Amino acid sequence: MNLFPTSNLLLKHQPELFERILNKKFKFIHLLELISLSILGLTAFGAVMSLPFPHWWHAIDLMWKMIVLIFGSYALCLPALYVFSSIRGSRITLLQLILCVVASIATTAIVLLSLAPIAWFFTWSTNGDIDIIRIMNTLMIGFGIIFGIILLARGFLASHKYYREQYPDNKSAADILVLWLLLVIVVTVQMSQKLGPWYLTN
């Protein structure tokens, strides 16, 4: 029995995941699983980021900051993505776009969860050098966001394939994701500064 069916679709059967989203077969329980997976991955990575410090409250601090950082950045940029894609000619609906963005966040969280052992290794091997740890964690968060955008691009392509028979003028709008990625990065950097400090000096 597959305990995490939606997560399996996200990793191994993405066309089926998008087919469910586009055909309104994506249920609330599937959405809840992706959100739970996202929170788990982001909190786990936040906990690893806190390892240079002995205080338990610092781990809690970084856990909620990671959740707010990723969810907040995507949420702030979501309206722009819908407008950009609509102007570009995509027929994807707002609800479908929201579900694809949630799947993108879950992908980012999974990538960060998979990178957590490497983050721990650098924390241990560099003897808690905050500058090196900060750079490595920033790069890993960047990797996670990029993979999330790749999944979102596949969602746009699936939407184009779904709508093009009914609407011949439909466009995939996947090309606007390059511009949107830059927007997400700028917002994420600004939000990380607003949420800071991430690392304490003592």
C-alpha atoms as a PDB file:
ATOM      1  CA  MET A   1       0.000   0.000   0.000  1.00  0.00           C
ATOM      2  CA  ASN A   2       1.321   3.414  -0.990  1.00  0.00           C
ATOM      3  CA  LEU A   3       1.151   5.647   2.083  1.00  0.00           C
ATOM      4  CA  PHE A   4       2.062   8.818   0.192  1.00  0.00           C
ATOM      5  CA  PRO A   5       0.451   8.501  -3.261  1.00  0.00           C
ATOM      6  CA  THR A   6       0.594  12.186  -4.179  1.00  0.00           C
ATOM      7  CA  SER A   7       4.255  12.454  -3.206  1.00  0.00           C
ATOM      8  CA  ASN A   8       4.980   9.424  -5.394  1.00  0.00           C
ATOM      9  CA  LEU A   9       3.223  11.121  -8.309  1.00  0.00           C
ATOM     10  CA  LEU A  10       5.271  14.257  -7.683  1.00  0.00           C
ATOM     11  CA  LEU A  11       8.555  12.358  -7.916  1.00  0.00           C
ATOM     12  CA  LYS A  12       7.861   9.542 -10.372  1.00  0.00           C
ATOM     13  CA  HIS A  13       4.656  10.218 -12.331  1.00  0.00           C
ATOM     14  CA  GLN A  14       4.373  13.945 -12.895  1.00  0.00           C
ATOM     15  CA  PRO A  15       2.192  13.674 -16.051  1.00  0.00           C
ATOM     16  CA  GLU A  16      -0.432  11.842 -14.006  1.00  0.00           C
ATOM     17  CA  LEU A  17      -0.225  14.491 -11.295  1.00  0.00           C
ATOM     18  CA  PHE A  18      -0.881  17.250 -13.813  1.00  0.00           C
ATOM     19  CA  GLU A  19      -3.639  15.205 -15.443  1.00  0.00           C
ATOM     20  CA  ARG A  20      -5.441  15.073 -12.097  1.00  0.00           C
ATOM     21  CA  ILE A  21      -5.019  18.797 -11.584  1.00  0.00           C
ATOM     22  CA  LEU A  22      -6.274  19.703 -15.058  1.00  0.00           C
ATOM     23  CA  ASN A  23      -9.226  17.304 -14.970  1.00  0.00           C
ATOM     24  CA  LYS A  24     -10.341  18.387 -11.487  1.00  0.00           C
ATOM     25  CA  LYS A  25      -9.478  15.017  -9.956  1.00  0.00           C
ATOM     26  CA  PHE A  26      -7.093  16.550  -7.444  1.00  0.00           C
ATOM     27  CA  LYS A  27      -8.804  16.188  -4.072  1.00  0.00           C
ATOM     28  CA  PHE A  28      -8.329  18.060  -0.817  1.00  0.00           C
ATOM     29  CA  ILE A  29      -6.483  15.111   0.726  1.00  0.00           C
ATOM     30  CA  HIS A  30      -3.909  15.318  -2.084  1.00  0.00           C
ATOM     31  CA  LEU A  31      -3.435  19.029  -1.450  1.00  0.00           C
ATOM     32  CA  LEU A  32      -3.087  18.390   2.277  1.00  0.00           C
ATOM     33  CA  GLU A  33      -0.401  15.782   1.624  1.00  0.00           C
ATOM     34  CA  LEU A  34       1.646  18.186  -0.507  1.00  0.00           C
ATOM     35  CA  ILE A  35       1.343  20.968   2.075  1.00  0.00           C
ATOM     36  CA  SER A  36       2.311  18.586   4.893  1.00  0.00           C
ATOM     37  CA  LEU A  37       5.278  17.341   2.879  1.00  0.00           C
ATOM     38  CA  SER A  38       6.338  20.918   2.223  1.00  0.00           C
ATOM     39  CA  ILE A  39       6.182  21.845   5.898  1.00  0.00           C
ATOM     40  CA  LEU A  40       8.097  18.687   6.866  1.00  0.00           C
ATOM     41  CA  GLY A  41      10.882  19.299   4.364  1.00  0.00           C
ATOM     42  CA  LEU A  42      11.247  22.986   5.169  1.00  0.00           C
ATOM     43  CA  THR A  43      11.247  22.476   8.948  1.00  0.00           C
ATOM     44  CA  ALA A  44      13.790  19.661   8.668  1.00  0.00           C
ATOM     45  CA  PHE A  45      16.126  21.835   6.618  1.00  0.00           C
ATOM     46  CA  GLY A  46      15.606  24.715   9.034  1.00  0.00           C
ATOM     47  CA  ALA A  47      16.525  22.412  11.927  1.00  0.00           C
ATOM     48  CA  VAL A  48      19.765  21.408  10.187  1.00  0.00           C
ATOM     49  CA  MET A  49      20.552  25.081   9.568  1.00  0.00           C
ATOM     50  CA  SER A  50      20.354  25.664  13.329  1.00  0.00           C
ATOM     51  CA  LEU A  51      22.954  23.009  14.231  1.00  0.00           C
ATOM     52  CA  PRO A  52      25.837  25.476  14.737  1.00  0.00           C
ATOM     53  CA  PHE A  53      23.957  26.803  17.779  1.00  0.00           C
ATOM     54  CA  PRO A  54      23.214  24.859  20.970  1.00  0.00           C
ATOM     55  CA  HIS A  55      19.955  26.591  21.839  1.00  0.00           C
ATOM     56  CA  TRP A  56      16.747  24.698  21.007  1.00  0.00           C
ATOM     57  CA  TRP A  57      14.834  27.926  20.475  1.00  0.00           C
ATOM     58  CA  HIS A  58      17.120  28.818  17.567  1.00  0.00           C
ATOM     59  CA  ALA A  59      16.012  25.621  15.795  1.00  0.00           C
ATOM     60  CA  ILE A  60      12.373  26.623  16.258  1.00  0.00           C
ATOM     61  CA  ASP A  61      13.210  30.083  14.955  1.00  0.00           C
ATOM     62  CA  LEU A  62      14.783  28.781  11.743  1.00  0.00           C
ATOM     63  CA  MET A  63      12.028  26.207  11.185  1.00  0.00           C
ATOM     64  CA  TRP A  64       9.225  28.763  11.006  1.00  0.00           C
ATOM     65  CA  LYS A  65      11.405  31.177   9.048  1.00  0.00           C
ATOM     66  CA  MET A  66      11.979  28.569   6.323  1.00  0.00           C
ATOM     67  CA  ILE A  67       8.228  27.922   6.042  1.00  0.00           C
ATOM     68  CA  VAL A  68       7.404  31.636   5.842  1.00  0.00           C
ATOM     69  CA  LEU A  69      10.276  32.297   3.431  1.00  0.00           C
ATOM     70  CA  ILE A  70       9.265  29.750   0.784  1.00  0.00           C
ATOM     71  CA  PHE A  71       5.476  29.855   1.154  1.00  0.00           C
ATOM     72  CA  GLY A  72       5.524  33.635   1.510  1.00  0.00           C
ATOM     73  CA  SER A  73       7.723  34.265  -1.533  1.00  0.00           C
ATOM     74  CA  TYR A  74       5.635  32.024  -3.774  1.00  0.00           C
ATOM     75  CA  ALA A  75       2.371  33.482  -2.463  1.00  0.00           C
ATOM     76  CA  LEU A  76       3.490  37.072  -3.068  1.00  0.00           C
ATOM     77  CA  CYS A  77       4.579  36.232  -6.623  1.00  0.00           C
ATOM     78  CA  LEU A  78       1.541  34.080  -7.514  1.00  0.00           C
ATOM     79  CA  PRO A  79      -0.703  36.937  -8.753  1.00  0.00           C
ATOM     80  CA  ALA A  80       2.071  38.127 -11.055  1.00  0.00           C
ATOM     81  CA  LEU A  81       2.486  34.597 -12.435  1.00  0.00           C
ATOM     82  CA  TYR A  82      -1.226  34.349 -13.239  1.00  0.00           C
ATOM     83  CA  VAL A  83      -1.228  37.730 -14.986  1.00  0.00           C
ATOM     84  CA  PHE A  84       2.007  36.979 -16.869  1.00  0.00           C
ATOM     85  CA  SER A  85       0.719  33.596 -18.082  1.00  0.00           C
ATOM     86  CA  SER A  86      -2.674  35.011 -19.073  1.00  0.00           C
ATOM     87  CA  ILE A  87      -1.127  37.836 -21.082  1.00  0.00           C
ATOM     88  CA  ARG A  88       1.243  35.354 -22.705  1.00  0.00           C
ATOM     89  CA  GLY A  89      -1.788  33.347 -23.900  1.00  0.00           C
ATOM     90  CA  SER A  90      -2.110  30.462 -21.448  1.00  0.00           C
ATOM     91  CA  ARG A  91      -5.605  29.181 -20.585  1.00  0.00           C
ATOM     92  CA  ILE A  92      -4.545  27.722 -17.252  1.00  0.00           C
ATOM     93  CA  THR A  93      -7.041  28.673 -14.538  1.00  0.00           C
ATOM     94  CA  LEU A  94      -6.181  30.301 -11.240  1.00  0.00           C
ATOM     95  CA  LEU A  95      -7.078  27.170  -9.249  1.00  0.00           C
ATOM     96  CA  GLN A  96      -4.975  24.965 -11.520  1.00  0.00           C
ATOM     97  CA  LEU A  97      -2.111  27.411 -11.198  1.00  0.00           C
ATOM     98  CA  ILE A  98      -2.377  27.455  -7.398  1.00  0.00           C
ATOM     99  CA  LEU A  99      -2.256  23.644  -7.275  1.00  0.00           C
ATOM    100  CA  CYS A 100       0.771  23.610  -9.579  1.00  0.00           C
ATOM    101  CA  VAL A 101       2.499  26.196  -7.379  1.00  0.00           C
ATOM    102  CA  VAL A 102       1.799  24.085  -4.280  1.00  0.00           C
ATOM    103  CA  ALA A 103       3.352  21.122  -6.101  1.00  0.00           C
ATOM    104  CA  SER A 104       6.305  23.361  -6.937  1.00  0.00           C
ATOM    105  CA  ILE A 105       6.731  24.299  -3.265  1.00  0.00           C
ATOM    106  CA  ALA A 106       6.567  20.614  -2.317  1.00  0.00           C
ATOM    107  CA  THR A 107       9.293  19.901  -4.875  1.00  0.00           C
ATOM    108  CA  THR A 108      11.461  22.628  -3.377  1.00  0.00           C
ATOM    109  CA  ALA A 109      10.923  21.153   0.093  1.00  0.00           C
ATOM    110  CA  ILE A 110      11.769  17.625  -1.073  1.00  0.00           C
ATOM    111  CA  VAL A 111      14.986  18.855  -2.687  1.00  0.00           C
ATOM    112  CA  LEU A 112      15.950  20.680   0.519  1.00  0.00           C
ATOM    113  CA  LEU A 113      15.149  17.590   2.574  1.00  0.00           C
ATOM    114  CA  SER A 114      17.408  15.519   0.307  1.00  0.00           C
ATOM    115  CA  LEU A 115      20.181  18.105   0.724  1.00  0.00           C
ATOM    116  CA  ALA A 116      19.868  18.200   4.522  1.00  0.00           C
ATOM    117  CA  PRO A 117      22.579  15.518   5.064  1.00  0.00           C
ATOM    118  CA  ILE A 118      25.001  17.588   2.973  1.00  0.00           C
ATOM    119  CA  ALA A 119      24.094  20.703   4.962  1.00  0.00           C
ATOM    120  CA  TRP A 120      24.798  18.757   8.155  1.00  0.00           C
ATOM    121  CA  PHE A 121      28.139  17.535   6.796  1.00  0.00           C
ATOM    122  CA  PHE A 122      29.332  21.058   6.003  1.00  0.00           C
ATOM    123  CA  THR A 123      28.186  22.245   9.418  1.00  0.00           C
ATOM    124  CA  TRP A 124      30.218  19.474  11.067  1.00  0.00           C
ATOM    125  CA  SER A 125      33.286  19.549   8.791  1.00  0.00           C
ATOM    126  CA  THR A 126      33.726  23.336   8.841  1.00  0.00           C
ATOM    127  CA  ASN A 127      33.547  23.458  12.659  1.00  0.00           C
ATOM    128  CA  GLY A 128      30.588  25.806  12.557  1.00  0.00           C
ATOM    129  CA  ASP A 129      32.121  28.433  10.245  1.00  0.00           C
ATOM    130  CA  ILE A 130      29.027  30.606   9.817  1.00  0.00           C
ATOM    131  CA  ASP A 131      30.146  32.265   6.576  1.00  0.00           C
ATOM    132  CA  ILE A 132      30.693  28.948   4.770  1.00  0.00           C
ATOM    133  CA  ILE A 133      27.488  27.482   6.200  1.00  0.00           C
ATOM    134  CA  ARG A 134      25.504  30.542   5.131  1.00  0.00           C
ATOM    135  CA  ILE A 135      26.817  30.306   1.558  1.00  0.00           C
ATOM    136  CA  MET A 136      26.122  26.568   1.301  1.00  0.00           C
ATOM    137  CA  ASN A 137      22.605  26.875   2.687  1.00  0.00           C
ATOM    138  CA  THR A 138      21.837  29.774   0.341  1.00  0.00           C
ATOM    139  CA  LEU A 139      22.986  27.707  -2.633  1.00  0.00           C
ATOM    140  CA  MET A 140      20.866  24.764  -1.512  1.00  0.00           C
ATOM    141  CA  ILE A 141      17.777  26.923  -1.151  1.00  0.00           C
ATOM    142  CA  GLY A 142      18.481  28.234  -4.659  1.00  0.00           C
ATOM    143  CA  PHE A 143      18.712  24.673  -5.982  1.00  0.00           C
ATOM    144  CA  GLY A 144      15.398  23.841  -4.353  1.00  0.00           C
ATOM    145  CA  ILE A 145      13.647  26.836  -5.914  1.00  0.00           C
ATOM    146  CA  ILE A 146      15.061  26.046  -9.360  1.00  0.00           C
ATOM    147  CA  PHE A 147      13.791  22.462  -9.247  1.00  0.00           C
ATOM    148  CA  GLY A 148      10.425  23.791  -8.097  1.00  0.00           C
ATOM    149  CA  ILE A 149      10.320  26.083 -11.132  1.00  0.00           C
ATOM    150  CA  ILE A 150      11.233  23.157 -13.413  1.00  0.00           C
ATOM    151  CA  LEU A 151       8.215  21.243 -12.134  1.00  0.00           C
ATOM    152  CA  LEU A 152       6.055  24.333 -12.624  1.00  0.00           C
ATOM    153  CA  ALA A 153       7.270  24.585 -16.223  1.00  0.00           C
ATOM    154  CA  ARG A 154       6.188  20.986 -16.812  1.00  0.00           C
ATOM    155  CA  GLY A 155       2.796  21.937 -15.405  1.00  0.00           C
ATOM    156  CA  PHE A 156       2.519  24.775 -17.931  1.00  0.00           C
ATOM    157  CA  LEU A 157       3.449  22.422 -20.773  1.00  0.00           C
ATOM    158  CA  ALA A 158       0.864  19.891 -19.587  1.00  0.00           C
ATOM    159  CA  SER A 159      -1.731  22.673 -19.478  1.00  0.00           C
ATOM    160  CA  HIS A 160      -0.851  23.697 -23.028  1.00  0.00           C
ATOM    161  CA  LYS A 161      -1.274  20.126 -24.252  1.00  0.00           C
ATOM    162  CA  TYR A 162      -4.604  19.881 -22.407  1.00  0.00           C
ATOM    163  CA  TYR A 163      -6.122  23.108 -23.783  1.00  0.00           C
ATOM    164  CA  ARG A 164      -4.697  23.362 -27.292  1.00  0.00           C
ATOM    165  CA  GLU A 165      -7.372  21.186 -28.981  1.00  0.00           C
ATOM    166  CA  GLN A 166     -10.176  23.290 -27.548  1.00  0.00           C
ATOM    167  CA  TYR A 167      -8.295  26.580 -27.894  1.00  0.00           C
ATOM    168  CA  PRO A 168      -5.874  26.510 -30.865  1.00  0.00           C
ATOM    169  CA  ASP A 169      -4.481  29.919 -29.858  1.00  0.00           C
ATOM    170  CA  ASN A 170      -3.477  28.644 -26.404  1.00  0.00           C
ATOM    171  CA  LYS A 171       0.180  29.140 -25.484  1.00  0.00           C
ATOM    172  CA  SER A 172       2.227  27.180 -22.970  1.00  0.00           C
ATOM    173  CA  ALA A 173       3.627  30.383 -21.385  1.00  0.00           C
ATOM    174  CA  ALA A 174       6.494  28.306 -19.952  1.00  0.00           C
ATOM    175  CA  ASP A 175       8.967  30.879 -21.239  1.00  0.00           C
ATOM    176  CA  ILE A 176       7.710  33.519 -18.791  1.00  0.00           C
ATOM    177  CA  LEU A 177       8.926  31.336 -15.919  1.00  0.00           C
ATOM    178  CA  VAL A 178      12.460  32.625 -16.477  1.00  0.00           C
ATOM    179  CA  LEU A 179      11.247  36.132 -15.716  1.00  0.00           C
ATOM    180  CA  TRP A 180       9.120  34.851 -12.830  1.00  0.00           C
ATOM    181  CA  LEU A 181      12.086  32.950 -11.364  1.00  0.00           C
ATOM    182  CA  LEU A 182      14.039  36.203 -11.203  1.00  0.00           C
ATOM    183  CA  LEU A 183      11.068  37.814  -9.473  1.00  0.00           C
ATOM    184  CA  VAL A 184      10.855  34.964  -6.952  1.00  0.00           C
ATOM    185  CA  ILE A 185      14.590  35.210  -6.223  1.00  0.00           C
ATOM    186  CA  VAL A 186      14.388  38.965  -5.620  1.00  0.00           C
ATOM    187  CA  VAL A 187      11.364  38.571  -3.321  1.00  0.00           C
ATOM    188  CA  THR A 188      12.997  35.641  -1.487  1.00  0.00           C
ATOM    189  CA  VAL A 189      16.184  37.624  -0.862  1.00  0.00           C
ATOM    190  CA  GLN A 190      14.218  40.624   0.386  1.00  0.00           C
ATOM    191  CA  MET A 191      12.014  38.464   2.613  1.00  0.00           C
ATOM    192  CA  SER A 192      15.027  36.639   4.044  1.00  0.00           C
ATOM    193  CA  GLN A 193      16.470  39.994   5.084  1.00  0.00           C
ATOM    194  CA  LYS A 194      13.166  41.019   6.622  1.00  0.00           C
ATOM    195  CA  LEU A 195      12.931  37.736   8.563  1.00  0.00           C
ATOM    196  CA  GLY A 196      16.550  37.900   9.704  1.00  0.00           C
ATOM    197  CA  PRO A 197      18.817  37.451  11.464  1.00  0.00           C
ATOM    198  CA  TRP A 198      19.176  33.817  10.403  1.00  0.00           C
ATOM    199  CA  TYR A 199      22.394  33.225  12.293  1.00  0.00           C
ATOM    200  CA  LEU A 200      23.300  34.716  15.633  1.00  0.00           C
ATOM    201  CA  THR A 201      26.808  35.827  16.461  1.00  0.00           C
ATOM    202  CA  ASN A 202      26.741  34.434  19.974  1.00  0.00           C
END
